[in-house]
């Protein structure tokens, strides 16, 4: 099994409504996003997926958030755009675009240097 990871980022604001603390107020982060995929086989040129393609898929999703207000994004509806739910959304959106034989492994969303949430599916 091969695992490949790319890292990208975006900047956006959010607030966690109903949270008893500072995060209930509007604030922003420079989010770091790690996307990891896996595959059992390499192709004829020795790769599972071209890193450029994985970066393109990731950027297409993250560009929807960049310099925006996450609470207003349709992806979250009535839910708070927490790191956990951002990771789930990114995971599922990228999964739709992966070529056959390549599957999502995990997405980790960092809201600071020491706080992150990871989403994966069984």
PDB file of N, CA and C in Angstrom:
ATOM      1  N   UNK A   1       0.848  -1.182   0.000  1.00  0.00           N
ATOM      2  CA  UNK A   1       0.000   0.000   0.000  1.00  0.00           C
ATOM      3  C   UNK A   1       0.889   1.239   0.000  1.00  0.00           C
ATOM      4  N   UNK A   2       0.543   2.179  -0.855  1.00  0.00           N
ATOM      5  CA  UNK A   2       1.253   3.459  -0.933  1.00  0.00           C
ATOM      6  C   UNK A   2       0.349   4.549  -0.368  1.00  0.00           C
ATOM      7  N   UNK A   3       0.944   5.479   0.353  1.00  0.00           N
ATOM      8  CA  UNK A   3       0.220   6.652   0.843  1.00  0.00           C
ATOM      9  C   UNK A   3       0.946   7.894   0.344  1.00  0.00           C
ATOM     10  N   UNK A   4       0.185   8.823  -0.202  1.00  0.00           N
ATOM     11  CA  UNK A   4       0.736  10.074  -0.698  1.00  0.00           C
ATOM     12  C   UNK A   4       0.047  11.221   0.012  1.00  0.00           C
ATOM     13  N   UNK A   5       0.804  12.268   0.311  1.00  0.00           N
ATOM     14  CA  UNK A   5       0.253  13.405   1.041  1.00  0.00           C
ATOM     15  C   UNK A   5       0.690  14.705   0.387  1.00  0.00           C
ATOM     16  N   UNK A   6      -0.261  15.628   0.291  1.00  0.00           N
ATOM     17  CA  UNK A   6       0.064  16.995  -0.117  1.00  0.00           C
ATOM     18  C   UNK A   6      -0.445  17.932   0.976  1.00  0.00           C
ATOM     19  N   UNK A   7       0.124  19.113   1.018  1.00  0.00           N
ATOM     20  CA  UNK A   7      -0.270  20.121   2.001  1.00  0.00           C
ATOM     21  C   UNK A   7      -0.589  21.414   1.264  1.00  0.00           C
ATOM     22  N   UNK A   8      -1.716  22.020   1.612  1.00  0.00           N
ATOM     23  CA  UNK A   8      -2.126  23.291   1.023  1.00  0.00           C
ATOM     24  C   UNK A   8      -2.681  24.152   2.155  1.00  0.00           C
ATOM     25  N   UNK A   9      -3.160  25.332   1.813  1.00  0.00           N
ATOM     26  CA  UNK A   9      -3.669  26.226   2.852  1.00  0.00           C
ATOM     27  C   UNK A   9      -4.704  27.179   2.280  1.00  0.00           C
ATOM     28  N   UNK A  10      -5.441  27.797   3.187  1.00  0.00           N
ATOM     29  CA  UNK A  10      -6.366  28.867   2.827  1.00  0.00           C
ATOM     30  C   UNK A  10      -6.550  29.745   4.056  1.00  0.00           C
ATOM     31  N   UNK A  11      -7.042  30.940   3.833  1.00  0.00           N
ATOM     32  CA  UNK A  11      -7.333  31.871   4.925  1.00  0.00           C
ATOM     33  C   UNK A  11      -8.826  32.143   4.927  1.00  0.00           C
ATOM     34  N   UNK A  12      -9.440  32.057   6.098  1.00  0.00           N
ATOM     35  CA  UNK A  12     -10.881  32.298   6.178  1.00  0.00           C
ATOM     36  C   UNK A  12     -11.284  32.594   7.615  1.00  0.00           C
ATOM     37  N   UNK A  13     -12.447  33.225   7.732  1.00  0.00           N
ATOM     38  CA  UNK A  13     -13.025  33.538   9.035  1.00  0.00           C
ATOM     39  C   UNK A  13     -14.146  32.556   9.355  1.00  0.00           C
ATOM     40  N   UNK A  14     -14.411  32.406  10.637  1.00  0.00           N
ATOM     41  CA  UNK A  14     -15.558  31.622  11.091  1.00  0.00           C
ATOM     42  C   UNK A  14     -15.867  31.997  12.532  1.00  0.00           C
ATOM     43  N   UNK A  15     -16.973  31.472  13.008  1.00  0.00           N
ATOM     44  CA  UNK A  15     -17.299  31.580  14.419  1.00  0.00           C
ATOM     45  C   UNK A  15     -18.081  30.332  14.792  1.00  0.00           C
ATOM     46  N   UNK A  16     -17.932  29.909  16.028  1.00  0.00           N
ATOM     47  CA  UNK A  16     -18.609  28.712  16.516  1.00  0.00           C
ATOM     48  C   UNK A  16     -19.770  29.150  17.405  1.00  0.00           C
ATOM     49  N   UNK A  17     -20.930  29.276  16.783  1.00  0.00           N
ATOM     50  CA  UNK A  17     -22.112  29.753  17.496  1.00  0.00           C
ATOM     51  C   UNK A  17     -22.486  28.767  18.596  1.00  0.00           C
ATOM     52  N   UNK A  18     -22.776  29.293  19.770  1.00  0.00           N
ATOM     53  CA  UNK A  18     -23.138  28.454  20.899  1.00  0.00           C
ATOM     54  C   UNK A  18     -21.951  27.956  21.700  1.00  0.00           C
ATOM     55  N   UNK A  19     -20.749  28.277  21.255  1.00  0.00           N
ATOM     56  CA  UNK A  19     -19.538  27.875  21.963  1.00  0.00           C
ATOM     57  C   UNK A  19     -19.326  28.816  23.146  1.00  0.00           C
ATOM     58  N   UNK A  20     -19.057  28.253  24.296  1.00  0.00           N
ATOM     59  CA  UNK A  20     -18.859  29.072  25.499  1.00  0.00           C
ATOM     60  C   UNK A  20     -17.397  29.483  25.609  1.00  0.00           C
ATOM     61  N   UNK A  21     -17.016  30.482  24.828  1.00  0.00           N
ATOM     62  CA  UNK A  21     -15.633  30.943  24.858  1.00  0.00           C
ATOM     63  C   UNK A  21     -15.345  31.874  23.705  1.00  0.00           C
ATOM     64  N   UNK A  22     -14.069  32.201  23.546  1.00  0.00           N
ATOM     65  CA  UNK A  22     -13.647  33.175  22.537  1.00  0.00           C
ATOM     66  C   UNK A  22     -14.020  32.782  21.116  1.00  0.00           C
ATOM     67  N   UNK A  23     -14.089  31.498  20.826  1.00  0.00           N
ATOM     68  CA  UNK A  23     -14.335  31.059  19.447  1.00  0.00           C
ATOM     69  C   UNK A  23     -15.756  31.336  18.974  1.00  0.00           C
ATOM     70  N   UNK A  24     -16.637  31.779  19.889  1.00  0.00           N
ATOM     71  CA  UNK A  24     -17.969  32.169  19.461  1.00  0.00           C
ATOM     72  C   UNK A  24     -17.920  33.495  18.708  1.00  0.00           C
ATOM     73  N   UNK A  25     -16.927  34.307  18.983  1.00  0.00           N
ATOM     74  CA  UNK A  25     -16.758  35.577  18.274  1.00  0.00           C
ATOM     75  C   UNK A  25     -16.148  35.325  16.902  1.00  0.00           C
ATOM     76  N   UNK A  26     -16.456  36.210  15.986  1.00  0.00           N
ATOM     77  CA  UNK A  26     -15.884  36.125  14.648  1.00  0.00           C
ATOM     78  C   UNK A  26     -14.365  36.238  14.731  1.00  0.00           C
ATOM     79  N   UNK A  27     -13.679  35.306  14.095  1.00  0.00           N
ATOM     80  CA  UNK A  27     -12.214  35.310  14.073  1.00  0.00           C
ATOM     81  C   UNK A  27     -11.750  34.546  12.837  1.00  0.00           C
ATOM     82  N   UNK A  28     -10.479  34.628  12.540  1.00  0.00           N
ATOM     83  CA  UNK A  28      -9.962  33.968  11.349  1.00  0.00           C
ATOM     84  C   UNK A  28      -8.747  33.119  11.638  1.00  0.00           C
ATOM     85  N   UNK A  29      -8.433  32.281  10.670  1.00  0.00           N
ATOM     86  CA  UNK A  29      -7.260  31.417  10.750  1.00  0.00           C
ATOM     87  C   UNK A  29      -6.583  31.374   9.388  1.00  0.00           C
ATOM     88  N   UNK A  30      -5.318  31.068   9.402  1.00  0.00           N
ATOM     89  CA  UNK A  30      -4.605  30.623   8.213  1.00  0.00           C
ATOM     90  C   UNK A  30      -4.566  29.102   8.332  1.00  0.00           C
ATOM     91  N   UNK A  31      -5.523  28.464   7.703  1.00  0.00           N
ATOM     92  CA  UNK A  31      -5.727  27.024   7.825  1.00  0.00           C
ATOM     93  C   UNK A  31      -4.700  26.268   6.984  1.00  0.00           C
ATOM     94  N   UNK A  32      -4.144  25.215   7.544  1.00  0.00           N
ATOM     95  CA  UNK A  32      -3.274  24.310   6.790  1.00  0.00           C
ATOM     96  C   UNK A  32      -4.043  23.009   6.619  1.00  0.00           C
ATOM     97  N   UNK A  33      -4.016  22.462   5.412  1.00  0.00           N
ATOM     98  CA  UNK A  33      -4.782  21.257   5.113  1.00  0.00           C
ATOM     99  C   UNK A  33      -3.855  20.196   4.537  1.00  0.00           C
ATOM    100  N   UNK A  34      -3.851  19.035   5.172  1.00  0.00           N
ATOM    101  CA  UNK A  34      -3.088  17.885   4.693  1.00  0.00           C
ATOM    102  C   UNK A  34      -4.069  16.886   4.091  1.00  0.00           C
ATOM    103  N   UNK A  35      -3.821  16.512   2.849  1.00  0.00           N
ATOM    104  CA  UNK A  35      -4.660  15.541   2.154  1.00  0.00           C
ATOM    105  C   UNK A  35      -3.815  14.307   1.883  1.00  0.00           C
ATOM    106  N   UNK A  36      -4.293  13.168   2.364  1.00  0.00           N
ATOM    107  CA  UNK A  36      -3.559  11.921   2.154  1.00  0.00           C
ATOM    108  C   UNK A  36      -4.454  10.930   1.424  1.00  0.00           C
ATOM    109  N   UNK A  37      -3.908  10.348   0.358  1.00  0.00           N
ATOM    110  CA  UNK A  37      -4.605   9.324  -0.415  1.00  0.00           C
ATOM    111  C   UNK A  37      -3.786   8.044  -0.374  1.00  0.00           C
ATOM    112  N   UNK A  38      -4.411   6.958  -0.825  1.00  0.00           N
ATOM    113  CA  UNK A  38      -3.680   5.698  -0.868  1.00  0.00           C
ATOM    114  C   UNK A  38      -4.069   4.899  -2.106  1.00  0.00           C
ATOM    115  N   UNK A  39      -3.164   4.024  -2.480  1.00  0.00           N
ATOM    116  CA  UNK A  39      -3.405   3.128  -3.599  1.00  0.00           C
ATOM    117  C   UNK A  39      -2.507   1.913  -3.471  1.00  0.00           C
ATOM    118  N   UNK A  40      -2.961   0.810  -4.014  1.00  0.00           N
ATOM    119  CA  UNK A  40      -2.198  -0.435  -3.907  1.00  0.00           C
ATOM    120  C   UNK A  40      -1.172  -0.594  -5.012  1.00  0.00           C
ATOM    121  N   UNK A  41      -1.364   0.118  -6.109  1.00  0.00           N
ATOM    122  CA  UNK A  41      -0.505  -0.107  -7.269  1.00  0.00           C
ATOM    123  C   UNK A  41       0.002   1.209  -7.847  1.00  0.00           C
ATOM    124  N   UNK A  42       1.175   1.153  -8.430  1.00  0.00           N
ATOM    125  CA  UNK A  42       1.688   2.270  -9.219  1.00  0.00           C
ATOM    126  C   UNK A  42       1.374   1.992 -10.677  1.00  0.00           C
ATOM    127  N   UNK A  43       1.313   3.043 -11.471  1.00  0.00           N
ATOM    128  CA  UNK A  43       1.033   2.867 -12.894  1.00  0.00           C
ATOM    129  C   UNK A  43       2.320   2.557 -13.662  1.00  0.00           C
ATOM    130  N   UNK A  44       2.244   2.614 -14.973  1.00  0.00           N
ATOM    131  CA  UNK A  44       3.383   2.225 -15.817  1.00  0.00           C
ATOM    132  C   UNK A  44       4.597   3.136 -15.650  1.00  0.00           C
ATOM    133  N   UNK A  45       4.383   4.358 -15.133  1.00  0.00           N
ATOM    134  CA  UNK A  45       5.538   5.238 -14.908  1.00  0.00           C
ATOM    135  C   UNK A  45       5.930   5.304 -13.428  1.00  0.00           C
ATOM    136  N   UNK A  46       5.314   4.435 -12.619  1.00  0.00           N
ATOM    137  CA  UNK A  46       5.744   4.294 -11.238  1.00  0.00           C
ATOM    138  C   UNK A  46       5.089   5.200 -10.217  1.00  0.00           C
ATOM    139  N   UNK A  47       3.902   5.753 -10.534  1.00  0.00           N
ATOM    140  CA  UNK A  47       3.223   6.626  -9.570  1.00  0.00           C
ATOM    141  C   UNK A  47       1.794   6.148  -9.310  1.00  0.00           C
ATOM    142  N   UNK A  48       1.288   6.475  -8.134  1.00  0.00           N
ATOM    143  CA  UNK A  48      -0.098   6.169  -7.782  1.00  0.00           C
ATOM    144  C   UNK A  48      -1.019   7.226  -8.386  1.00  0.00           C
ATOM    145  N   UNK A  49      -0.675   8.487  -8.176  1.00  0.00           N
ATOM    146  CA  UNK A  49      -1.382   9.633  -8.750  1.00  0.00           C
ATOM    147  C   UNK A  49      -0.358  10.752  -8.885  1.00  0.00           C
ATOM    148  N   UNK A  50      -0.487  11.529  -9.919  1.00  0.00           N
ATOM    149  CA  UNK A  50       0.404  12.673 -10.113  1.00  0.00           C
ATOM    150  C   UNK A  50       0.140  13.689  -8.993  1.00  0.00           C
ATOM    151  N   UNK A  51       1.187  14.094  -8.295  1.00  0.00           N
ATOM    152  CA  UNK A  51       1.019  15.092  -7.237  1.00  0.00           C
ATOM    153  C   UNK A  51       0.341  16.351  -7.773  1.00  0.00           C
ATOM    154  N   UNK A  52       0.631  16.718  -9.022  1.00  0.00           N
ATOM    155  CA  UNK A  52       0.003  17.904  -9.613  1.00  0.00           C
ATOM    156  C   UNK A  52      -1.512  17.746  -9.655  1.00  0.00           C
ATOM    157  N   UNK A  53      -1.995  16.553  -9.979  1.00  0.00           N
ATOM    158  CA  UNK A  53      -3.433  16.303 -10.041  1.00  0.00           C
ATOM    159  C   UNK A  53      -4.055  16.363  -8.644  1.00  0.00           C
ATOM    160  N   UNK A  54      -3.396  15.788  -7.670  1.00  0.00           N
ATOM    161  CA  UNK A  54      -3.910  15.835  -6.302  1.00  0.00           C
ATOM    162  C   UNK A  54      -3.926  17.275  -5.783  1.00  0.00           C
ATOM    163  N   UNK A  55      -2.907  18.045  -6.111  1.00  0.00           N
ATOM    164  CA  UNK A  55      -2.879  19.458  -5.722  1.00  0.00           C
ATOM    165  C   UNK A  55      -3.997  20.236  -6.412  1.00  0.00           C
ATOM    166  N   UNK A  56      -4.262  19.927  -7.678  1.00  0.00           N
ATOM    167  CA  UNK A  56      -5.327  20.610  -8.420  1.00  0.00           C
ATOM    168  C   UNK A  56      -6.691  20.330  -7.789  1.00  0.00           C
ATOM    169  N   UNK A  57      -6.949  19.058  -7.469  1.00  0.00           N
ATOM    170  CA  UNK A  57      -8.216  18.690  -6.836  1.00  0.00           C
ATOM    171  C   UNK A  57      -8.383  19.394  -5.491  1.00  0.00           C
ATOM    172  N   UNK A  58      -7.319  19.429  -4.724  1.00  0.00           N
ATOM    173  CA  UNK A  58      -7.362  20.061  -3.407  1.00  0.00           C
ATOM    174  C   UNK A  58      -7.581  21.561  -3.526  1.00  0.00           C
ATOM    175  N   UNK A  59      -6.851  22.202  -4.410  1.00  0.00           N
ATOM    176  CA  UNK A  59      -6.971  23.650  -4.593  1.00  0.00           C
ATOM    177  C   UNK A  59      -8.385  24.029  -5.023  1.00  0.00           C
ATOM    178  N   UNK A  60      -8.988  23.218  -5.883  1.00  0.00           N
ATOM    179  CA  UNK A  60     -10.346  23.510  -6.345  1.00  0.00           C
ATOM    180  C   UNK A  60     -11.333  23.547  -5.178  1.00  0.00           C
ATOM    181  N   UNK A  61     -11.129  22.701  -4.192  1.00  0.00           N
ATOM    182  CA  UNK A  61     -12.001  22.692  -3.014  1.00  0.00           C
ATOM    183  C   UNK A  61     -11.659  23.854  -2.082  1.00  0.00           C
ATOM    184  N   UNK A  62     -10.390  24.039  -1.791  1.00  0.00           N
ATOM    185  CA  UNK A  62      -9.995  25.078  -0.836  1.00  0.00           C
ATOM    186  C   UNK A  62     -10.266  26.481  -1.358  1.00  0.00           C
ATOM    187  N   UNK A  63     -10.219  26.670  -2.668  1.00  0.00           N
ATOM    188  CA  UNK A  63     -10.516  27.988  -3.239  1.00  0.00           C
ATOM    189  C   UNK A  63     -11.945  28.429  -2.931  1.00  0.00           C
ATOM    190  N   UNK A  64     -12.839  27.483  -2.674  1.00  0.00           N
ATOM    191  CA  UNK A  64     -14.219  27.829  -2.314  1.00  0.00           C
ATOM    192  C   UNK A  64     -14.284  28.528  -0.954  1.00  0.00           C
ATOM    193  N   UNK A  65     -13.286  28.286  -0.114  1.00  0.00           N
ATOM    194  CA  UNK A  65     -13.246  28.851   1.235  1.00  0.00           C
ATOM    195  C   UNK A  65     -12.361  30.083   1.350  1.00  0.00           C
ATOM    196  N   UNK A  66     -11.354  30.192   0.504  1.00  0.00           N
ATOM    197  CA  UNK A  66     -10.284  31.169   0.693  1.00  0.00           C
ATOM    198  C   UNK A  66     -10.814  32.595   0.777  1.00  0.00           C
ATOM    199  N   UNK A  67     -10.408  33.293   1.826  1.00  0.00           N
ATOM    200  CA  UNK A  67     -10.787  34.681   2.111  1.00  0.00           C
ATOM    201  C   UNK A  67     -12.304  34.861   2.199  1.00  0.00           C
ATOM    202  N   UNK A  68     -12.959  33.843   2.736  1.00  0.00           N
ATOM    203  CA  UNK A  68     -14.402  33.905   2.908  1.00  0.00           C
ATOM    204  C   UNK A  68     -14.807  33.763   4.362  1.00  0.00           C
ATOM    205  N   UNK A  69     -16.107  33.829   4.566  1.00  0.00           N
ATOM    206  CA  UNK A  69     -16.720  33.619   5.878  1.00  0.00           C
ATOM    207  C   UNK A  69     -17.341  32.227   5.850  1.00  0.00           C
ATOM    208  N   UNK A  70     -16.722  31.290   6.531  1.00  0.00           N
ATOM    209  CA  UNK A  70     -17.126  29.892   6.436  1.00  0.00           C
ATOM    210  C   UNK A  70     -18.555  29.651   6.903  1.00  0.00           C
ATOM    211  N   UNK A  71     -19.036  30.416   7.855  1.00  0.00           N
ATOM    212  CA  UNK A  71     -20.412  30.245   8.321  1.00  0.00           C
ATOM    213  C   UNK A  71     -21.428  30.506   7.217  1.00  0.00           C
ATOM    214  N   UNK A  72     -21.043  31.249   6.192  1.00  0.00           N
ATOM    215  CA  UNK A  72     -21.952  31.565   5.094  1.00  0.00           C
ATOM    216  C   UNK A  72     -21.824  30.585   3.933  1.00  0.00           C
ATOM    217  N   UNK A  73     -20.926  29.634   4.031  1.00  0.00           N
ATOM    218  CA  UNK A  73     -20.713  28.674   2.949  1.00  0.00           C
ATOM    219  C   UNK A  73     -21.795  27.602   2.996  1.00  0.00           C
ATOM    220  N   UNK A  74     -22.336  27.279   1.835  1.00  0.00           N
ATOM    221  CA  UNK A  74     -23.421  26.300   1.748  1.00  0.00           C
ATOM    222  C   UNK A  74     -23.036  24.923   2.291  1.00  0.00           C
ATOM    223  N   UNK A  75     -21.767  24.622   2.351  1.00  0.00           N
ATOM    224  CA  UNK A  75     -21.320  23.307   2.821  1.00  0.00           C
ATOM    225  C   UNK A  75     -21.716  23.045   4.267  1.00  0.00           C
ATOM    226  N   UNK A  76     -21.915  24.098   5.037  1.00  0.00           N
ATOM    227  CA  UNK A  76     -22.137  23.912   6.461  1.00  0.00           C
ATOM    228  C   UNK A  76     -23.581  24.127   6.893  1.00  0.00           C
ATOM    229  N   UNK A  77     -24.411  24.689   6.011  1.00  0.00           N
ATOM    230  CA  UNK A  77     -25.820  24.863   6.345  1.00  0.00           C
ATOM    231  C   UNK A  77     -25.989  25.497   7.707  1.00  0.00           C
ATOM    232  N   UNK A  78     -26.666  24.783   8.600  1.00  0.00           N
ATOM    233  CA  UNK A  78     -26.901  25.272   9.960  1.00  0.00           C
ATOM    234  C   UNK A  78     -25.837  24.803  10.945  1.00  0.00           C
ATOM    235  N   UNK A  79     -24.798  24.135  10.449  1.00  0.00           N
ATOM    236  CA  UNK A  79     -23.740  23.610  11.320  1.00  0.00           C
ATOM    237  C   UNK A  79     -22.601  24.618  11.447  1.00  0.00           C
ATOM    238  N   UNK A  80     -21.928  24.578  12.562  1.00  0.00           N
ATOM    239  CA  UNK A  80     -20.730  25.393  12.733  1.00  0.00           C
ATOM    240  C   UNK A  80     -19.604  24.851  11.856  1.00  0.00           C
ATOM    241  N   UNK A  81     -18.870  25.718  11.181  1.00  0.00           N
ATOM    242  CA  UNK A  81     -17.730  25.272  10.371  1.00  0.00           C
ATOM    243  C   UNK A  81     -16.510  25.003  11.252  1.00  0.00           C
ATOM    244  N   UNK A  82     -16.588  23.942  12.014  1.00  0.00           N
ATOM    245  CA  UNK A  82     -15.488  23.545  12.897  1.00  0.00           C
ATOM    246  C   UNK A  82     -14.382  22.893  12.069  1.00  0.00           C
ATOM    247  N   UNK A  83     -13.237  22.748  12.653  1.00  0.00           N
ATOM    248  CA  UNK A  83     -12.136  22.054  11.969  1.00  0.00           C
ATOM    249  C   UNK A  83     -12.561  20.649  11.569  1.00  0.00           C
ATOM    250  N   UNK A  84     -13.331  19.998  12.443  1.00  0.00           N
ATOM    251  CA  UNK A  84     -13.802  18.645  12.154  1.00  0.00           C
ATOM    252  C   UNK A  84     -14.665  18.604  10.895  1.00  0.00           C
ATOM    253  N   UNK A  85     -15.621  19.529  10.801  1.00  0.00           N
ATOM    254  CA  UNK A  85     -16.535  19.519   9.655  1.00  0.00           C
ATOM    255  C   UNK A  85     -15.867  20.019   8.383  1.00  0.00           C
ATOM    256  N   UNK A  86     -14.909  20.904   8.511  1.00  0.00           N
ATOM    257  CA  UNK A  86     -14.134  21.321   7.335  1.00  0.00           C
ATOM    258  C   UNK A  86     -13.364  20.124   6.793  1.00  0.00           C
ATOM    259  N   UNK A  87     -12.725  19.361   7.675  1.00  0.00           N
ATOM    260  CA  UNK A  87     -11.966  18.183   7.244  1.00  0.00           C
ATOM    261  C   UNK A  87     -12.871  17.178   6.537  1.00  0.00           C
ATOM    262  N   UNK A  88     -14.065  16.946   7.077  1.00  0.00           N
ATOM    263  CA  UNK A  88     -15.000  16.004   6.444  1.00  0.00           C
ATOM    264  C   UNK A  88     -15.420  16.490   5.059  1.00  0.00           C
ATOM    265  N   UNK A  89     -15.745  17.766   4.953  1.00  0.00           N
ATOM    266  CA  UNK A  89     -16.162  18.322   3.666  1.00  0.00           C
ATOM    267  C   UNK A  89     -15.055  18.189   2.625  1.00  0.00           C
ATOM    268  N   UNK A  90     -13.843  18.580   2.971  1.00  0.00           N
ATOM    269  CA  UNK A  90     -12.718  18.504   2.033  1.00  0.00           C
ATOM    270  C   UNK A  90     -12.484  17.054   1.613  1.00  0.00           C
ATOM    271  N   UNK A  91     -12.506  16.145   2.560  1.00  0.00           N
ATOM    272  CA  UNK A  91     -12.321  14.715   2.283  1.00  0.00           C
ATOM    273  C   UNK A  91     -13.316  14.239   1.224  1.00  0.00           C
ATOM    274  N   UNK A  92     -14.586  14.494   1.465  1.00  0.00           N
ATOM    275  CA  UNK A  92     -15.635  13.981   0.570  1.00  0.00           C
ATOM    276  C   UNK A  92     -15.608  14.644  -0.798  1.00  0.00           C
ATOM    277  N   UNK A  93     -15.299  15.918  -0.851  1.00  0.00           N
ATOM    278  CA  UNK A  93     -15.245  16.605  -2.142  1.00  0.00           C
ATOM    279  C   UNK A  93     -14.084  16.101  -2.996  1.00  0.00           C
ATOM    280  N   UNK A  94     -12.923  15.930  -2.405  1.00  0.00           N
ATOM    281  CA  UNK A  94     -11.772  15.436  -3.170  1.00  0.00           C
ATOM    282  C   UNK A  94     -12.004  14.001  -3.607  1.00  0.00           C
ATOM    283  N   UNK A  95     -12.637  13.202  -2.756  1.00  0.00           N
ATOM    284  CA  UNK A  95     -12.882  11.790  -3.072  1.00  0.00           C
ATOM    285  C   UNK A  95     -13.616  11.624  -4.396  1.00  0.00           C
ATOM    286  N   UNK A  96     -14.521  12.543  -4.710  1.00  0.00           N
ATOM    287  CA  UNK A  96     -15.300  12.452  -5.954  1.00  0.00           C
ATOM    288  C   UNK A  96     -14.436  12.568  -7.208  1.00  0.00           C
ATOM    289  N   UNK A  97     -13.303  13.226  -7.101  1.00  0.00           N
ATOM    290  CA  UNK A  97     -12.485  13.480  -8.277  1.00  0.00           C
ATOM    291  C   UNK A  97     -11.306  12.549  -8.469  1.00  0.00           C
ATOM    292  N   UNK A  98     -11.110  11.612  -7.559  1.00  0.00           N
ATOM    293  CA  UNK A  98      -9.937  10.739  -7.649  1.00  0.00           C
ATOM    294  C   UNK A  98     -10.100   9.685  -8.740  1.00  0.00           C
ATOM    295  N   UNK A  99      -9.013   9.357  -9.408  1.00  0.00           N
ATOM    296  CA  UNK A  99      -9.083   8.319 -10.436  1.00  0.00           C
ATOM    297  C   UNK A  99      -9.262   6.934  -9.813  1.00  0.00           C
ATOM    298  N   UNK A 100      -9.676   6.005 -10.629  1.00  0.00           N
ATOM    299  CA  UNK A 100      -9.858   4.626 -10.177  1.00  0.00           C
ATOM    300  C   UNK A 100      -8.556   4.085  -9.590  1.00  0.00           C
ATOM    301  N   UNK A 101      -8.676   3.377  -8.487  1.00  0.00           N
ATOM    302  CA  UNK A 101      -7.506   2.799  -7.844  1.00  0.00           C
ATOM    303  C   UNK A 101      -6.864   3.682  -6.794  1.00  0.00           C
ATOM    304  N   UNK A 102      -7.341   4.922  -6.683  1.00  0.00           N
ATOM    305  CA  UNK A 102      -6.831   5.855  -5.677  1.00  0.00           C
ATOM    306  C   UNK A 102      -7.998   6.211  -4.761  1.00  0.00           C
ATOM    307  N   UNK A 103      -7.799   6.063  -3.457  1.00  0.00           N
ATOM    308  CA  UNK A 103      -8.866   6.365  -2.505  1.00  0.00           C
ATOM    309  C   UNK A 103      -8.357   7.335  -1.445  1.00  0.00           C
ATOM    310  N   UNK A 104      -9.283   8.054  -0.864  1.00  0.00           N
ATOM    311  CA  UNK A 104      -8.930   8.958   0.224  1.00  0.00           C
ATOM    312  C   UNK A 104      -8.476   8.149   1.425  1.00  0.00           C
ATOM    313  N   UNK A 105      -7.477   8.653   2.111  1.00  0.00           N
ATOM    314  CA  UNK A 105      -7.028   8.066   3.362  1.00  0.00           C
ATOM    315  C   UNK A 105      -7.465   8.963   4.516  1.00  0.00           C
ATOM    316  N   UNK A 106      -7.101  10.250   4.456  1.00  0.00           N
ATOM    317  CA  UNK A 106      -7.488  11.178   5.522  1.00  0.00           C
ATOM    318  C   UNK A 106      -7.284  12.616   5.075  1.00  0.00           C
ATOM    319  N   UNK A 107      -7.949  13.502   5.779  1.00  0.00           N
ATOM    320  CA  UNK A 107      -7.726  14.942   5.646  1.00  0.00           C
ATOM    321  C   UNK A 107      -7.539  15.493   7.053  1.00  0.00           C
ATOM    322  N   UNK A 108      -6.464  16.240   7.241  1.00  0.00           N
ATOM    323  CA  UNK A 108      -6.203  16.908   8.510  1.00  0.00           C
ATOM    324  C   UNK A 108      -6.238  18.409   8.281  1.00  0.00           C
ATOM    325  N   UNK A 109      -7.017  19.089   9.102  1.00  0.00           N
ATOM    326  CA  UNK A 109      -7.159  20.543   9.015  1.00  0.00           C
ATOM    327  C   UNK A 109      -6.561  21.149  10.281  1.00  0.00           C
ATOM    328  N   UNK A 110      -5.553  21.982  10.084  1.00  0.00           N
ATOM    329  CA  UNK A 110      -4.881  22.681  11.183  1.00  0.00           C
ATOM    330  C   UNK A 110      -5.409  24.104  11.251  1.00  0.00           C
ATOM    331  N   UNK A 111      -5.944  24.503  12.404  1.00  0.00           N
ATOM    332  CA  UNK A 111      -6.356  25.898  12.571  1.00  0.00           C
ATOM    333  C   UNK A 111      -5.281  26.720  13.261  1.00  0.00           C
ATOM    334  N   UNK A 112      -4.296  26.046  13.835  1.00  0.00           N
ATOM    335  CA  UNK A 112      -3.131  26.708  14.418  1.00  0.00           C
ATOM    336  C   UNK A 112      -1.979  25.708  14.402  1.00  0.00           C
ATOM    337  N   UNK A 113      -0.820  26.140  14.867  1.00  0.00           N
ATOM    338  CA  UNK A 113       0.337  25.244  14.875  1.00  0.00           C
ATOM    339  C   UNK A 113       0.176  24.058  15.814  1.00  0.00           C
ATOM    340  N   UNK A 114      -0.754  24.155  16.754  1.00  0.00           N
ATOM    341  CA  UNK A 114      -0.884  23.079  17.731  1.00  0.00           C
ATOM    342  C   UNK A 114      -2.306  22.568  17.909  1.00  0.00           C
ATOM    343  N   UNK A 115      -3.184  22.795  16.916  1.00  0.00           N
ATOM    344  CA  UNK A 115      -4.558  22.304  16.998  1.00  0.00           C
ATOM    345  C   UNK A 115      -5.041  21.873  15.619  1.00  0.00           C
ATOM    346  N   UNK A 116      -5.405  20.596  15.513  1.00  0.00           N
ATOM    347  CA  UNK A 116      -5.833  20.050  14.227  1.00  0.00           C
ATOM    348  C   UNK A 116      -6.921  19.009  14.431  1.00  0.00           C
ATOM    349  N   UNK A 117      -7.708  18.787  13.378  1.00  0.00           N
ATOM    350  CA  UNK A 117      -8.711  17.725  13.359  1.00  0.00           C
ATOM    351  C   UNK A 117      -8.490  16.894  12.105  1.00  0.00           C
ATOM    352  N   UNK A 118      -8.584  15.580  12.247  1.00  0.00           N
ATOM    353  CA  UNK A 118      -8.413  14.661  11.120  1.00  0.00           C
ATOM    354  C   UNK A 118      -9.714  13.918  10.883  1.00  0.00           C
ATOM    355  N   UNK A 119     -10.081  13.787   9.594  1.00  0.00           N
ATOM    356  CA  UNK A 119     -11.261  13.013   9.211  1.00  0.00           C
ATOM    357  C   UNK A 119     -10.835  11.888   8.289  1.00  0.00           C
ATOM    358  N   UNK A 120     -11.371  10.697   8.551  1.00  0.00           N
ATOM    359  CA  UNK A 120     -11.189   9.560   7.655  1.00  0.00           C
ATOM    360  C   UNK A 120     -12.446   8.709   7.736  1.00  0.00           C
ATOM    361  N   UNK A 121     -12.630   7.862   6.756  1.00  0.00           N
ATOM    362  CA  UNK A 121     -13.769   6.950   6.750  1.00  0.00           C
ATOM    363  C   UNK A 121     -13.250   5.523   6.739  1.00  0.00           C
ATOM    364  N   UNK A 122     -14.021   4.610   7.352  1.00  0.00           N
ATOM    365  CA  UNK A 122     -13.566   3.207   7.393  1.00  0.00           C
ATOM    366  C   UNK A 122     -13.508   2.574   6.013  1.00  0.00           C
TER     367      UNK A 122
END
